[in-house]
Amino acid sequence: MALEELAKGEIEHFTDDHLVQHALEAHDYVEETIRGKRDKWQTAWNVYLNNWDFSDKADWQSKSYLPKFSQAVRVTRSLMKQALIKSDDFFKFKGTTPSAREVEKDITRGVQAVLDQNFFKKKHFGNGVFRGLLENLIIYKTGVEPLGDDEPIHRHQEFKFPVQAISAFDLYIDPTGRGKFVEHKIKMDLSDYRRLVQRGVYE
């Protein structure tokens, strides 16, 4: 791999091409490692979408189905979302050291403010639960992005902290458990990509 060659001194300068090569190799490595899990996730999605395989049935056997699974997923998601929206105390930060305990209320208020700005309870929590029910994983991603001219939150804020629920199909984590890399595959419109480049998010 490119990083191994770099560590051995075989690569004098680590270029963008080397980084792309390493990312592609990591992607292929994870794909091969979690192939069985991805097949199970896809099976669950197919059942949810009512895409049933009746190839093992004889011609005279029924090919109809009752969409109970998809209804159960939607009802469970709705119940959990409504329970959260009605909760004033979604979470509290608990400090484990004396200095952390002094700021735990401030941290709680700060994180809640960011989540409220991103409509986390109404928008993103339900999406995360929905994916968790079908993929066995609830994954939220956040980051820091500069605000655009058309995105004022208040006059002193220069950055936003977007939150989104992402699919396990699009996340690639070092399967060894050593946390050497995390990759997130995304699709976006070219105009959105250019806007992010102008803001300095991407080169």
Protein backbone atom coordinates (compact mmCIF):
# COMPACT_ATOMS: atom_id res chain seq x y z
CA MET A 1 0.00 0.00 0.00
CA ALA A 2 1.04 3.60 -0.53
CA LEU A 3 1.49 4.30 3.19
CA GLU A 4 3.65 1.20 3.65
CA GLU A 5 5.88 2.36 0.79
CA LEU A 6 6.09 5.79 2.39
CA ALA A 7 7.09 4.28 5.76
CA LYS A 8 9.86 2.27 4.09
CA GLY A 9 11.23 5.38 2.40
CA GLU A 10 10.30 4.15 -1.07
CA ILE A 11 8.16 7.26 -1.65
CA GLU A 12 10.06 10.50 -1.20
CA HIS A 13 7.03 12.81 -1.35
CA PHE A 14 3.48 11.78 -0.50
CA THR A 15 1.43 13.28 -3.34
CA ASP A 16 -2.32 13.54 -3.94
CA ASP A 17 -2.04 10.54 -6.27
CA HIS A 18 -0.60 8.45 -3.43
CA LEU A 19 -3.45 9.56 -1.15
CA VAL A 20 -6.05 8.60 -3.75
CA GLN A 21 -4.36 5.22 -4.24
CA HIS A 22 -4.38 4.54 -0.51
CA ALA A 23 -8.05 5.57 -0.20
CA LEU A 24 -9.07 3.24 -3.03
CA GLU A 25 -7.12 0.34 -1.52
CA ALA A 26 -8.74 0.94 1.87
CA HIS A 27 -12.16 1.06 0.23
CA ASP A 28 -11.61 -2.27 -1.56
CA TYR A 29 -10.26 -3.84 1.65
CA VAL A 30 -13.37 -2.92 3.63
CA GLU A 31 -15.70 -3.97 0.81
CA GLU A 32 -14.19 -7.46 0.84
CA THR A 33 -14.18 -7.70 4.65
CA ILE A 34 -17.83 -6.73 5.23
CA ARG A 35 -19.31 -8.37 2.14
CA GLY A 36 -21.42 -10.73 4.28
CA LYS A 37 -22.82 -7.88 6.37
CA ARG A 38 -23.66 -5.83 3.29
CA ASP A 39 -25.56 -8.80 1.85
CA LYS A 40 -27.65 -8.99 5.05
CA TRP A 41 -28.30 -5.23 4.98
CA GLN A 42 -29.40 -5.48 1.36
CA THR A 43 -31.71 -8.39 2.19
CA ALA A 44 -33.37 -6.28 4.93
CA TRP A 45 -33.77 -3.35 2.53
CA ASN A 46 -35.31 -5.62 -0.11
CA VAL A 47 -37.85 -6.93 2.41
CA TYR A 48 -38.67 -3.37 3.48
CA LEU A 49 -39.20 -2.38 -0.18
CA ASN A 50 -41.36 -5.50 -0.68
CA ASN A 51 -38.94 -6.94 -3.23
CA TRP A 52 -39.51 -10.61 -2.50
CA ASP A 53 -37.82 -13.56 -4.16
CA PHE A 54 -40.45 -16.13 -5.15
CA SER A 55 -38.14 -18.16 -7.40
CA ASP A 56 -38.30 -21.19 -5.07
CA LYS A 57 -42.09 -21.34 -5.22
CA ALA A 58 -44.01 -23.56 -7.60
CA ASP A 59 -46.27 -22.04 -10.24
CA TRP A 60 -49.39 -22.91 -8.27
CA GLN A 61 -48.14 -21.35 -5.01
CA SER A 62 -49.12 -17.83 -3.94
CA LYS A 63 -46.79 -15.00 -4.92
CA SER A 64 -48.50 -12.33 -2.81
CA TYR A 65 -47.26 -10.95 0.51
CA LEU A 66 -48.34 -8.90 3.51
CA PRO A 67 -46.14 -5.80 3.97
CA LYS A 68 -45.95 -6.17 7.78
CA PHE A 69 -42.21 -5.58 8.02
CA SER A 70 -42.22 -2.16 6.35
CA GLN A 71 -45.19 -1.06 8.46
CA ALA A 72 -43.45 -2.16 11.67
CA VAL A 73 -40.33 -0.18 10.75
CA ARG A 74 -42.32 2.99 10.02
CA VAL A 75 -44.37 2.73 13.22
CA THR A 76 -41.28 2.09 15.40
CA ARG A 77 -39.47 5.03 13.84
CA SER A 78 -42.48 7.31 14.36
CA LEU A 79 -42.95 6.31 18.02
CA MET A 80 -39.29 6.91 18.89
CA LYS A 81 -39.24 10.22 17.04
CA GLN A 82 -42.36 11.50 18.79
CA ALA A 83 -41.02 10.45 22.19
CA LEU A 84 -37.80 12.37 21.56
CA ILE A 85 -39.50 15.52 20.26
CA LYS A 86 -41.60 15.72 23.44
CA SER A 87 -38.55 15.27 25.65
CA ASP A 88 -36.95 18.46 26.97
CA ASP A 89 -33.88 16.64 28.29
CA PHE A 90 -32.64 14.74 25.27
CA PHE A 91 -29.24 14.25 26.87
CA LYS A 92 -26.94 15.70 29.52
CA PHE A 93 -23.17 15.88 29.51
CA LYS A 94 -21.69 14.32 32.66
CA GLY A 95 -18.17 15.35 33.60
CA THR A 96 -15.89 12.69 35.07
CA THR A 97 -13.33 15.08 36.58
CA PRO A 98 -13.79 18.15 38.84
CA SER A 99 -12.87 20.55 36.02
CA ALA A 100 -15.23 18.78 33.58
CA ARG A 101 -18.08 18.92 36.08
CA GLU A 102 -17.67 22.69 36.30
CA VAL A 103 -18.49 23.10 32.58
CA GLU A 104 -20.91 20.21 32.02
CA LYS A 105 -23.98 22.49 31.96
CA ASP A 106 -22.33 24.85 29.46
CA ILE A 107 -21.33 21.95 27.21
CA THR A 108 -24.85 20.51 27.37
CA ARG A 109 -26.41 23.86 26.42
CA GLY A 110 -23.89 24.39 23.61
CA VAL A 111 -24.45 20.99 22.01
CA GLN A 112 -28.23 21.32 22.37
CA ALA A 113 -28.07 24.71 20.62
CA VAL A 114 -26.17 23.19 17.68
CA LEU A 115 -28.63 20.27 17.47
CA ASP A 116 -31.58 22.67 17.56
CA GLN A 117 -30.06 24.78 14.74
CA ASN A 118 -29.85 21.60 12.65
CA PHE A 119 -33.39 20.46 13.56
CA PHE A 120 -31.87 17.22 14.85
CA LYS A 121 -34.95 15.96 16.69
CA LYS A 122 -37.39 16.58 13.85
CA LYS A 123 -35.15 15.85 10.87
CA HIS A 124 -32.15 13.69 11.57
CA PHE A 125 -33.06 11.50 14.55
CA GLY A 126 -35.85 9.73 12.67
CA ASN A 127 -33.56 9.07 9.70
CA GLY A 128 -30.93 7.56 11.99
CA VAL A 129 -33.45 5.25 13.69
CA PHE A 130 -34.84 4.23 10.30
CA ARG A 131 -31.41 3.23 9.03
CA GLY A 132 -30.57 1.54 12.33
CA LEU A 133 -33.63 -0.69 12.11
CA LEU A 134 -32.62 -1.88 8.64
CA GLU A 135 -28.82 -1.78 8.82
CA ASN A 136 -28.17 -2.46 12.54
CA LEU A 137 -26.19 0.78 12.75
CA ILE A 138 -27.16 4.33 13.65
CA ILE A 139 -24.48 6.70 12.39
CA TYR A 140 -24.49 10.48 12.62
CA LYS A 141 -21.86 12.64 10.98
CA THR A 142 -21.05 16.22 11.83
CA GLY A 143 -18.37 18.69 10.86
CA VAL A 144 -17.56 22.36 10.52
CA GLU A 145 -18.44 24.41 7.44
CA PRO A 146 -18.19 28.15 6.83
CA LEU A 147 -21.54 29.87 6.47
CA GLY A 148 -22.57 31.08 3.04
CA ASP A 149 -23.91 34.56 2.39
CA ASP A 150 -27.43 33.15 2.19
CA GLU A 151 -27.19 31.19 5.47
CA PRO A 152 -27.24 33.71 8.32
CA ILE A 153 -27.88 32.20 11.76
CA HIS A 154 -26.90 35.25 13.78
CA ARG A 155 -24.49 38.07 13.08
CA HIS A 156 -21.61 36.75 15.19
CA GLN A 157 -21.60 33.21 13.76
CA GLU A 158 -19.19 32.39 10.94
CA PHE A 159 -19.47 28.60 10.89
CA LYS A 160 -22.19 25.97 10.95
CA PHE A 161 -22.08 22.40 12.27
CA PRO A 162 -24.19 20.27 9.91
CA VAL A 163 -25.54 16.97 11.23
CA GLN A 164 -26.73 14.13 9.04
CA ALA A 165 -27.67 10.48 9.43
CA ILE A 166 -25.60 8.42 7.01
CA SER A 167 -26.03 4.93 5.65
CA ALA A 168 -23.79 2.06 6.69
CA PHE A 169 -23.54 1.26 2.97
CA ASP A 170 -21.58 4.50 2.50
CA LEU A 171 -19.24 4.26 5.50
CA TYR A 172 -15.89 2.47 5.36
CA ILE A 173 -14.14 1.93 8.71
CA ASP A 174 -10.90 0.07 9.40
CA PRO A 175 -12.31 -3.44 10.09
CA THR A 176 -9.34 -4.38 12.29
CA GLY A 177 -10.69 -2.17 15.09
CA ARG A 178 -7.51 -0.07 15.20
CA GLY A 179 -9.28 2.98 13.75
CA LYS A 180 -6.64 3.67 11.11
CA PHE A 181 -9.13 5.22 8.67
CA VAL A 182 -12.76 6.23 8.21
CA GLU A 183 -14.09 7.01 4.74
CA HIS A 184 -17.53 8.31 3.85
CA LYS A 185 -18.75 7.96 0.27
CA ILE A 186 -21.11 10.77 -0.77
CA LYS A 187 -22.84 11.99 -3.91
CA MET A 188 -23.52 15.65 -4.57
CA ASP A 189 -24.48 17.99 -7.37
CA LEU A 190 -21.55 19.60 -9.18
CA SER A 191 -22.82 23.09 -8.31
CA ASP A 192 -22.85 22.16 -4.60
CA TYR A 193 -19.31 20.84 -4.88
CA ARG A 194 -18.10 24.07 -6.51
CA ARG A 195 -19.79 26.08 -3.77
CA LEU A 196 -17.96 24.05 -1.10
CA VAL A 197 -14.66 24.57 -2.92
CA GLN A 198 -15.27 28.33 -2.91
CA ARG A 199 -15.88 28.19 0.84
CA GLY A 200 -12.64 26.32 1.43
CA VAL A 201 -14.22 22.98 2.46
CA TYR A 202 -12.49 21.17 -0.41
CA GLU A 203 -9.43 21.99 -2.45
